[in-house]
Amino acid sequence: MEEKKHVLTRSGYDKLQVELEKLLSEESGEVAEKLAEARENEAGEEAIFFETMVEKERLDERIAYLRYVLANATIVDHDDDPEHVSPGNRITVYDKDEKEELIFDLLGSAEVTSGRQGVSLDSPVGKALLGHAVGDTVKVEVPDGVVKYKIRKIELIPDLD
């Protein structure tokens, strides 16, 4: 099976790394402690033990996912081509049909699924905008039809954290 490369911004990579380190410390401390307490509980509180096991399983799954993403990450370097849309860019577009301006933060899917606000590279909008420059008009197929966006501005996403 071919490993999927996960495109991440530098700040997205760093945030996932911090989350992984936090979860690893929780795994070795808090959850293990709860599990030990639940096992020793003579009152036979199976519900507590079950809840703790479910929590540990979720934690283990998240840790495995983060390790996989970070191990297979391609970090975007914005020095390569600042004139064309790439992950980590904030793109201002004009919707010609709705006659309104929209702003999209373009991110790798791992960053979006990890709670960061933005448009995934794998989405129709992300795929359509990728590689285009200011002044280009792009057509995006959406469930309601086709929308046309004129790219007005490309800038780096400011790190709000």
N, C-alpha and C. Protein backbone atom coordinates (compact mmCIF):
# COMPACT_ATOMS: atom_id res chain seq x y z
N MET A 1 0.85 -1.18 0.00
CA MET A 1 0.00 0.00 0.00
C MET A 1 0.89 1.24 0.00
N GLU A 2 0.58 2.17 -0.88
CA GLU A 2 1.35 3.41 -0.98
C GLU A 2 0.95 4.37 0.13
N GLU A 3 1.95 4.97 0.79
CA GLU A 3 1.69 5.92 1.87
C GLU A 3 1.17 7.23 1.26
N LYS A 4 0.12 7.77 1.86
CA LYS A 4 -0.43 9.04 1.41
C LYS A 4 0.38 10.17 2.03
N LYS A 5 0.81 11.11 1.21
CA LYS A 5 1.51 12.28 1.71
C LYS A 5 0.47 13.29 2.18
N HIS A 6 0.69 13.81 3.37
CA HIS A 6 -0.20 14.81 3.93
C HIS A 6 0.46 16.17 3.82
N VAL A 7 -0.18 17.07 3.08
CA VAL A 7 0.34 18.42 2.91
C VAL A 7 -0.04 19.24 4.14
N LEU A 8 0.97 19.83 4.77
CA LEU A 8 0.74 20.63 5.97
C LEU A 8 1.50 21.94 5.86
N THR A 9 0.93 22.98 6.44
CA THR A 9 1.68 24.22 6.60
C THR A 9 2.64 24.00 7.76
N ARG A 10 3.64 24.85 7.88
CA ARG A 10 4.59 24.72 8.99
C ARG A 10 3.85 24.83 10.32
N SER A 11 2.95 25.83 10.45
CA SER A 11 2.24 25.99 11.72
C SER A 11 1.29 24.82 11.97
N GLY A 12 0.70 24.27 10.91
CA GLY A 12 -0.16 23.10 11.06
C GLY A 12 0.62 21.90 11.54
N TYR A 13 1.82 21.70 11.00
CA TYR A 13 2.69 20.60 11.44
C TYR A 13 3.03 20.77 12.92
N ASP A 14 3.42 22.00 13.27
CA ASP A 14 3.80 22.28 14.66
C ASP A 14 2.64 22.04 15.62
N LYS A 15 1.43 22.44 15.22
CA LYS A 15 0.26 22.25 16.08
C LYS A 15 -0.05 20.76 16.27
N LEU A 16 0.06 19.99 15.20
CA LEU A 16 -0.19 18.55 15.32
C LEU A 16 0.89 17.89 16.18
N GLN A 17 2.12 18.35 16.08
CA GLN A 17 3.21 17.82 16.90
C GLN A 17 2.95 18.11 18.38
N VAL A 18 2.51 19.33 18.69
CA VAL A 18 2.20 19.70 20.07
C VAL A 18 1.04 18.85 20.60
N GLU A 19 0.02 18.66 19.75
CA GLU A 19 -1.12 17.83 20.16
C GLU A 19 -0.65 16.40 20.46
N LEU A 20 0.21 15.86 19.61
CA LEU A 20 0.72 14.50 19.81
C LEU A 20 1.47 14.41 21.14
N GLU A 21 2.34 15.36 21.39
CA GLU A 21 3.11 15.34 22.64
C GLU A 21 2.18 15.42 23.86
N LYS A 22 1.15 16.25 23.76
CA LYS A 22 0.18 16.37 24.86
C LYS A 22 -0.56 15.05 25.08
N LEU A 23 -1.00 14.44 23.98
CA LEU A 23 -1.73 13.17 24.10
C LEU A 23 -0.84 12.06 24.64
N LEU A 24 0.42 12.05 24.25
CA LEU A 24 1.34 11.03 24.76
C LEU A 24 1.54 11.19 26.26
N SER A 25 1.59 12.43 26.73
CA SER A 25 1.74 12.62 28.18
C SER A 25 0.46 12.23 28.91
N GLU A 26 -0.70 12.49 28.30
CA GLU A 26 -1.98 12.06 28.90
C GLU A 26 -2.05 10.55 28.96
N GLU A 27 -1.62 9.91 27.86
CA GLU A 27 -1.69 8.45 27.79
C GLU A 27 -0.87 7.81 28.90
N SER A 28 0.31 8.34 29.10
CA SER A 28 1.18 7.73 30.09
C SER A 28 0.79 8.12 31.51
N GLY A 29 0.00 9.13 31.66
CA GLY A 29 -0.35 9.60 33.00
C GLY A 29 -1.80 9.38 33.36
N GLU A 30 -2.60 10.32 32.96
CA GLU A 30 -3.99 10.41 33.40
C GLU A 30 -4.83 9.16 33.08
N VAL A 31 -4.81 8.73 31.82
CA VAL A 31 -5.66 7.60 31.42
C VAL A 31 -5.17 6.31 32.06
N ALA A 32 -3.86 6.11 32.10
CA ALA A 32 -3.32 4.90 32.73
C ALA A 32 -3.69 4.85 34.21
N GLU A 33 -3.67 6.01 34.85
CA GLU A 33 -4.04 6.09 36.27
C GLU A 33 -5.52 5.72 36.47
N LYS A 34 -6.37 6.26 35.60
CA LYS A 34 -7.81 5.95 35.69
C LYS A 34 -8.05 4.46 35.48
N LEU A 35 -7.33 3.91 34.52
CA LEU A 35 -7.49 2.49 34.21
C LEU A 35 -7.06 1.63 35.39
N ALA A 36 -5.97 1.98 36.01
CA ALA A 36 -5.49 1.24 37.19
C ALA A 36 -6.49 1.33 38.34
N GLU A 37 -7.03 2.52 38.55
CA GLU A 37 -8.03 2.72 39.61
C GLU A 37 -9.28 1.90 39.33
N ALA A 38 -9.71 1.88 38.07
CA ALA A 38 -10.92 1.13 37.72
C ALA A 38 -10.71 -0.36 37.91
N ARG A 39 -9.51 -0.85 37.62
CA ARG A 39 -9.21 -2.28 37.80
C ARG A 39 -9.21 -2.66 39.29
N GLU A 40 -8.72 -1.74 40.11
CA GLU A 40 -8.61 -2.02 41.54
C GLU A 40 -9.92 -1.81 42.30
N ASN A 41 -10.86 -1.19 41.66
CA ASN A 41 -12.11 -0.87 42.31
C ASN A 41 -12.86 -2.16 42.66
N GLU A 42 -13.02 -2.41 43.94
CA GLU A 42 -13.66 -3.64 44.40
C GLU A 42 -15.18 -3.56 44.33
N ALA A 43 -15.71 -2.39 44.09
CA ALA A 43 -17.15 -2.23 44.03
C ALA A 43 -17.72 -2.82 42.74
N GLY A 44 -16.83 -3.24 41.84
CA GLY A 44 -17.29 -3.86 40.60
C GLY A 44 -17.92 -2.87 39.64
N GLU A 45 -17.40 -1.69 39.63
CA GLU A 45 -17.95 -0.66 38.76
C GLU A 45 -17.48 -0.89 37.32
N GLU A 46 -18.15 -1.77 36.62
CA GLU A 46 -17.77 -2.10 35.25
C GLU A 46 -17.93 -0.91 34.31
N ALA A 47 -18.91 -0.07 34.59
CA ALA A 47 -19.15 1.09 33.72
C ALA A 47 -17.94 2.02 33.72
N ILE A 48 -17.34 2.25 34.88
CA ILE A 48 -16.17 3.11 34.96
C ILE A 48 -15.01 2.49 34.17
N PHE A 49 -14.84 1.19 34.34
CA PHE A 49 -13.77 0.49 33.62
C PHE A 49 -14.01 0.57 32.11
N PHE A 50 -15.24 0.34 31.69
CA PHE A 50 -15.58 0.39 30.27
C PHE A 50 -15.34 1.79 29.70
N GLU A 51 -15.82 2.82 30.38
CA GLU A 51 -15.62 4.20 29.92
C GLU A 51 -14.14 4.54 29.79
N THR A 52 -13.36 4.09 30.75
CA THR A 52 -11.92 4.34 30.72
C THR A 52 -11.27 3.62 29.55
N MET A 53 -11.69 2.40 29.29
CA MET A 53 -11.15 1.65 28.15
C MET A 53 -11.50 2.32 26.83
N VAL A 54 -12.73 2.81 26.71
CA VAL A 54 -13.15 3.52 25.49
C VAL A 54 -12.33 4.79 25.32
N GLU A 55 -12.12 5.52 26.40
CA GLU A 55 -11.32 6.75 26.36
C GLU A 55 -9.89 6.43 25.92
N LYS A 56 -9.33 5.36 26.46
CA LYS A 56 -7.96 4.96 26.09
C LYS A 56 -7.90 4.55 24.63
N GLU A 57 -8.91 3.86 24.15
CA GLU A 57 -8.93 3.44 22.75
C GLU A 57 -8.98 4.65 21.82
N ARG A 58 -9.82 5.63 22.14
CA ARG A 58 -9.90 6.86 21.34
C ARG A 58 -8.56 7.60 21.34
N LEU A 59 -7.96 7.67 22.50
CA LEU A 59 -6.66 8.32 22.64
C LEU A 59 -5.61 7.60 21.80
N ASP A 60 -5.58 6.27 21.87
CA ASP A 60 -4.63 5.49 21.09
C ASP A 60 -4.85 5.68 19.59
N GLU A 61 -6.11 5.74 19.16
CA GLU A 61 -6.41 5.95 17.74
C GLU A 61 -5.93 7.32 17.27
N ARG A 62 -6.16 8.34 18.09
CA ARG A 62 -5.74 9.70 17.73
C ARG A 62 -4.21 9.78 17.68
N ILE A 63 -3.54 9.15 18.63
CA ILE A 63 -2.08 9.13 18.64
C ILE A 63 -1.55 8.44 17.39
N ALA A 64 -2.13 7.32 17.03
CA ALA A 64 -1.70 6.58 15.83
C ALA A 64 -1.91 7.42 14.58
N TYR A 65 -3.07 8.11 14.51
CA TYR A 65 -3.36 8.96 13.35
C TYR A 65 -2.35 10.10 13.25
N LEU A 66 -2.09 10.78 14.37
CA LEU A 66 -1.15 11.90 14.36
C LEU A 66 0.26 11.43 13.98
N ARG A 67 0.67 10.30 14.51
CA ARG A 67 1.99 9.76 14.15
C ARG A 67 2.07 9.48 12.65
N TYR A 68 1.02 8.90 12.11
CA TYR A 68 0.96 8.60 10.67
C TYR A 68 1.04 9.87 9.84
N VAL A 69 0.22 10.87 10.19
CA VAL A 69 0.20 12.13 9.43
C VAL A 69 1.56 12.81 9.49
N LEU A 70 2.13 12.92 10.69
CA LEU A 70 3.41 13.61 10.84
C LEU A 70 4.55 12.86 10.13
N ALA A 71 4.50 11.54 10.16
CA ALA A 71 5.53 10.74 9.49
C ALA A 71 5.44 10.85 7.97
N ASN A 72 4.26 11.14 7.46
CA ASN A 72 4.04 11.22 6.02
C ASN A 72 3.74 12.65 5.56
N ALA A 73 4.21 13.62 6.32
CA ALA A 73 3.90 15.02 6.03
C ALA A 73 4.85 15.61 5.00
N THR A 74 4.28 16.42 4.14
CA THR A 74 5.04 17.28 3.26
C THR A 74 4.74 18.69 3.72
N ILE A 75 5.77 19.39 4.20
CA ILE A 75 5.56 20.73 4.72
C ILE A 75 5.72 21.73 3.59
N VAL A 76 4.72 22.60 3.44
CA VAL A 76 4.71 23.58 2.37
C VAL A 76 5.65 24.73 2.71
N ASP A 77 6.49 25.07 1.75
CA ASP A 77 7.41 26.19 1.90
C ASP A 77 6.94 27.29 0.96
N HIS A 78 6.55 28.43 1.51
CA HIS A 78 5.96 29.49 0.70
C HIS A 78 6.96 30.31 -0.09
N ASP A 79 8.23 30.05 0.08
CA ASP A 79 9.23 30.79 -0.68
C ASP A 79 9.29 30.29 -2.12
N ASP A 80 8.73 29.09 -2.38
CA ASP A 80 8.82 28.49 -3.70
C ASP A 80 8.13 29.32 -4.78
N ASP A 81 6.89 29.72 -4.56
CA ASP A 81 6.14 30.45 -5.57
C ASP A 81 5.05 31.29 -4.90
N PRO A 82 5.41 32.50 -4.46
CA PRO A 82 4.43 33.32 -3.74
C PRO A 82 3.34 33.92 -4.63
N GLU A 83 3.46 33.75 -5.93
CA GLU A 83 2.49 34.34 -6.86
C GLU A 83 1.31 33.43 -7.18
N HIS A 84 1.41 32.16 -6.83
CA HIS A 84 0.35 31.20 -7.15
C HIS A 84 -0.21 30.58 -5.87
N VAL A 85 -1.49 30.23 -5.91
CA VAL A 85 -2.18 29.66 -4.76
C VAL A 85 -1.55 28.34 -4.35
N SER A 86 -1.24 28.23 -3.06
CA SER A 86 -0.70 27.00 -2.52
C SER A 86 -1.24 26.83 -1.10
N PRO A 87 -1.07 25.64 -0.52
CA PRO A 87 -1.54 25.43 0.85
C PRO A 87 -0.89 26.45 1.79
N GLY A 88 -1.67 26.94 2.73
CA GLY A 88 -1.18 27.95 3.66
C GLY A 88 -1.48 29.36 3.21
N ASN A 89 -2.15 29.48 2.06
CA ASN A 89 -2.53 30.80 1.55
C ASN A 89 -3.95 31.16 1.96
N ARG A 90 -4.16 32.44 2.17
CA ARG A 90 -5.50 33.00 2.31
C ARG A 90 -5.81 33.65 0.97
N ILE A 91 -6.88 33.18 0.34
CA ILE A 91 -7.23 33.63 -0.99
C ILE A 91 -8.53 34.43 -0.92
N THR A 92 -8.48 35.64 -1.44
CA THR A 92 -9.68 36.46 -1.53
C THR A 92 -10.18 36.35 -2.96
N VAL A 93 -11.44 35.97 -3.10
CA VAL A 93 -12.03 35.81 -4.42
C VAL A 93 -13.32 36.63 -4.52
N TYR A 94 -13.71 36.89 -5.75
CA TYR A 94 -14.98 37.55 -6.00
C TYR A 94 -15.88 36.56 -6.70
N ASP A 95 -17.04 36.29 -6.09
CA ASP A 95 -18.03 35.39 -6.68
C ASP A 95 -18.83 36.20 -7.68
N LYS A 96 -18.64 35.91 -8.96
CA LYS A 96 -19.27 36.70 -10.02
C LYS A 96 -20.79 36.59 -10.03
N ASP A 97 -21.32 35.42 -9.64
CA ASP A 97 -22.77 35.24 -9.66
C ASP A 97 -23.44 35.91 -8.46
N GLU A 98 -22.89 35.72 -7.29
CA GLU A 98 -23.47 36.28 -6.07
C GLU A 98 -23.04 37.73 -5.82
N LYS A 99 -22.07 38.16 -6.59
CA LYS A 99 -21.53 39.52 -6.47
C LYS A 99 -21.08 39.82 -5.04
N GLU A 100 -20.26 38.90 -4.51
CA GLU A 100 -19.73 39.08 -3.16
C GLU A 100 -18.29 38.57 -3.09
N GLU A 101 -17.56 39.11 -2.13
CA GLU A 101 -16.20 38.69 -1.90
C GLU A 101 -16.17 37.60 -0.84
N LEU A 102 -15.35 36.58 -1.07
CA LEU A 102 -15.19 35.47 -0.13
C LEU A 102 -13.71 35.28 0.17
N ILE A 103 -13.43 34.76 1.34
CA ILE A 103 -12.04 34.50 1.73
C ILE A 103 -11.92 33.03 2.10
N PHE A 104 -10.92 32.36 1.52
CA PHE A 104 -10.67 30.95 1.79
C PHE A 104 -9.25 30.78 2.32
N ASP A 105 -9.10 30.04 3.41
CA ASP A 105 -7.80 29.63 3.91
C ASP A 105 -7.58 28.22 3.39
N LEU A 106 -6.58 28.02 2.55
CA LEU A 106 -6.34 26.73 1.91
C LEU A 106 -5.38 25.89 2.75
N LEU A 107 -5.86 24.73 3.19
CA LEU A 107 -5.09 23.87 4.10
C LEU A 107 -5.13 22.42 3.64
N GLY A 108 -4.18 21.65 4.11
CA GLY A 108 -4.20 20.22 3.87
C GLY A 108 -5.35 19.60 4.64
N SER A 109 -5.85 18.48 4.16
CA SER A 109 -7.02 17.86 4.78
C SER A 109 -6.77 17.46 6.24
N ALA A 110 -5.54 17.08 6.57
CA ALA A 110 -5.24 16.69 7.96
C ALA A 110 -5.40 17.87 8.91
N GLU A 111 -5.08 19.08 8.43
CA GLU A 111 -5.24 20.26 9.28
C GLU A 111 -6.72 20.59 9.47
N VAL A 112 -7.49 20.46 8.41
CA VAL A 112 -8.93 20.76 8.48
C VAL A 112 -9.63 19.75 9.38
N THR A 113 -9.30 18.47 9.24
CA THR A 113 -9.95 17.46 10.07
C THR A 113 -9.48 17.53 11.52
N SER A 114 -8.39 18.24 11.76
CA SER A 114 -7.90 18.41 13.13
C SER A 114 -8.45 19.67 13.78
N GLY A 115 -9.42 20.28 13.12
CA GLY A 115 -10.11 21.40 13.75
C GLY A 115 -9.69 22.78 13.31
N ARG A 116 -8.72 22.90 12.44
CA ARG A 116 -8.32 24.21 11.96
C ARG A 116 -9.31 24.66 10.89
N GLN A 117 -9.74 25.90 10.96
CA GLN A 117 -10.72 26.42 10.02
C GLN A 117 -10.08 26.68 8.66
N GLY A 118 -10.69 26.17 7.61
CA GLY A 118 -10.17 26.39 6.28
C GLY A 118 -10.83 25.49 5.26
N VAL A 119 -10.34 25.61 4.04
CA VAL A 119 -10.83 24.81 2.93
C VAL A 119 -9.76 23.78 2.61
N SER A 120 -10.15 22.53 2.53
CA SER A 120 -9.23 21.44 2.26
C SER A 120 -8.76 21.44 0.81
N LEU A 121 -7.51 21.04 0.62
CA LEU A 121 -6.96 20.86 -0.72
C LEU A 121 -7.75 19.83 -1.51
N ASP A 122 -8.38 18.90 -0.79
CA ASP A 122 -9.13 17.82 -1.43
C ASP A 122 -10.54 18.22 -1.81
N SER A 123 -10.99 19.40 -1.37
CA SER A 123 -12.34 19.85 -1.68
C SER A 123 -12.39 20.40 -3.11
N PRO A 124 -13.58 20.49 -3.70
CA PRO A 124 -13.67 21.06 -5.05
C PRO A 124 -13.10 22.48 -5.13
N VAL A 125 -13.36 23.31 -4.12
CA VAL A 125 -12.83 24.68 -4.13
C VAL A 125 -11.31 24.66 -4.03
N GLY A 126 -10.78 23.85 -3.12
CA GLY A 126 -9.33 23.76 -2.96
C GLY A 126 -8.64 23.29 -4.23
N LYS A 127 -9.18 22.25 -4.84
CA LYS A 127 -8.59 21.72 -6.07
C LYS A 127 -8.63 22.76 -7.19
N ALA A 128 -9.73 23.51 -7.28
CA ALA A 128 -9.88 24.49 -8.35
C ALA A 128 -8.93 25.68 -8.19
N LEU A 129 -8.73 26.13 -6.95
CA LEU A 129 -7.90 27.32 -6.71
C LEU A 129 -6.40 27.03 -6.81
N LEU A 130 -5.99 25.84 -6.46
CA LEU A 130 -4.58 25.47 -6.37
C LEU A 130 -3.83 25.79 -7.67
N GLY A 131 -2.73 26.54 -7.53
CA GLY A 131 -1.87 26.84 -8.66
C GLY A 131 -2.24 28.07 -9.46
N HIS A 132 -3.40 28.67 -9.19
CA HIS A 132 -3.82 29.85 -9.93
C HIS A 132 -3.22 31.13 -9.34
N ALA A 133 -3.31 32.21 -10.10
CA ALA A 133 -2.71 33.49 -9.70
C ALA A 133 -3.78 34.58 -9.62
N VAL A 134 -3.38 35.71 -9.03
CA VAL A 134 -4.29 36.86 -8.95
C VAL A 134 -4.72 37.24 -10.37
N GLY A 135 -6.01 37.49 -10.52
CA GLY A 135 -6.57 37.84 -11.82
C GLY A 135 -7.20 36.67 -12.54
N ASP A 136 -6.82 35.44 -12.17
CA ASP A 136 -7.40 34.25 -12.80
C ASP A 136 -8.84 34.08 -12.37
N THR A 137 -9.65 33.56 -13.27
CA THR A 137 -11.02 33.16 -12.95
C THR A 137 -11.05 31.64 -12.96
N VAL A 138 -11.56 31.09 -11.87
CA VAL A 138 -11.65 29.63 -11.78
C VAL A 138 -13.11 29.21 -11.68
N LYS A 139 -13.40 28.08 -12.26
CA LYS A 139 -14.74 27.50 -12.20
C LYS A 139 -14.70 26.33 -11.23
N VAL A 140 -15.68 26.29 -10.34
CA VAL A 140 -15.74 25.24 -9.34
C VAL A 140 -17.09 24.53 -9.46
N GLU A 141 -17.02 23.21 -9.63
CA GLU A 141 -18.26 22.44 -9.66
C GLU A 141 -18.68 22.14 -8.23
N VAL A 142 -19.87 22.59 -7.89
CA VAL A 142 -20.46 22.36 -6.57
C VAL A 142 -21.80 21.65 -6.77
N PRO A 143 -22.38 21.12 -5.71
CA PRO A 143 -23.64 20.38 -5.88
C PRO A 143 -24.74 21.19 -6.61
N ASP A 144 -24.74 22.51 -6.44
CA ASP A 144 -25.78 23.33 -7.07
C ASP A 144 -25.42 23.77 -8.49
N GLY A 145 -24.29 23.35 -9.00
CA GLY A 145 -23.88 23.75 -10.35
C GLY A 145 -22.42 24.19 -10.37
N VAL A 146 -22.16 25.23 -11.15
CA VAL A 146 -20.80 25.74 -11.30
C VAL A 146 -20.76 27.18 -10.81
N VAL A 147 -19.76 27.48 -9.98
CA VAL A 147 -19.55 28.86 -9.54
C VAL A 147 -18.24 29.35 -10.13
N LYS A 148 -18.18 30.67 -10.35
CA LYS A 148 -16.97 31.28 -10.91
C LYS A 148 -16.41 32.25 -9.89
N TYR A 149 -15.13 32.08 -9.59
CA TYR A 149 -14.44 32.96 -8.67
C TYR A 149 -13.28 33.65 -9.39
N LYS A 150 -13.19 34.95 -9.22
CA LYS A 150 -12.03 35.69 -9.72
C LYS A 150 -11.11 35.92 -8.53
N ILE A 151 -9.88 35.48 -8.66
CA ILE A 151 -8.91 35.62 -7.56
C ILE A 151 -8.46 37.08 -7.49
N ARG A 152 -8.66 37.69 -6.33
CA ARG A 152 -8.30 39.09 -6.13
C ARG A 152 -7.02 39.26 -5.32
N LYS A 153 -6.76 38.33 -4.40
CA LYS A 153 -5.62 38.52 -3.51
C LYS A 153 -5.15 37.16 -2.99
N ILE A 154 -3.81 37.01 -2.91
CA ILE A 154 -3.21 35.81 -2.33
C ILE A 154 -2.23 36.29 -1.26
N GLU A 155 -2.39 35.76 -0.04
CA GLU A 155 -1.48 36.12 1.04
C GLU A 155 -1.32 34.92 1.95
N LEU A 156 -0.32 34.96 2.81
CA LEU A 156 -0.14 33.89 3.79
C LEU A 156 -1.22 33.99 4.86
N ILE A 157 -1.67 32.86 5.35
CA ILE A 157 -2.63 32.85 6.45
C ILE A 157 -1.90 33.36 7.69
N PRO A 158 -2.42 34.42 8.30
CA PRO A 158 -1.76 34.87 9.52
C PRO A 158 -1.96 33.83 10.62
N ASP A 159 -0.92 33.59 11.39
CA ASP A 159 -1.01 32.62 12.48
C ASP A 159 -1.70 33.31 13.65
N LEU A 160 -2.92 32.90 13.94
CA LEU A 160 -3.73 33.56 14.95
C LEU A 160 -3.45 33.07 16.35
N ASP A 161 -2.71 31.98 16.49
CA ASP A 161 -2.48 31.42 17.82
C ASP A 161 -1.33 32.07 18.51
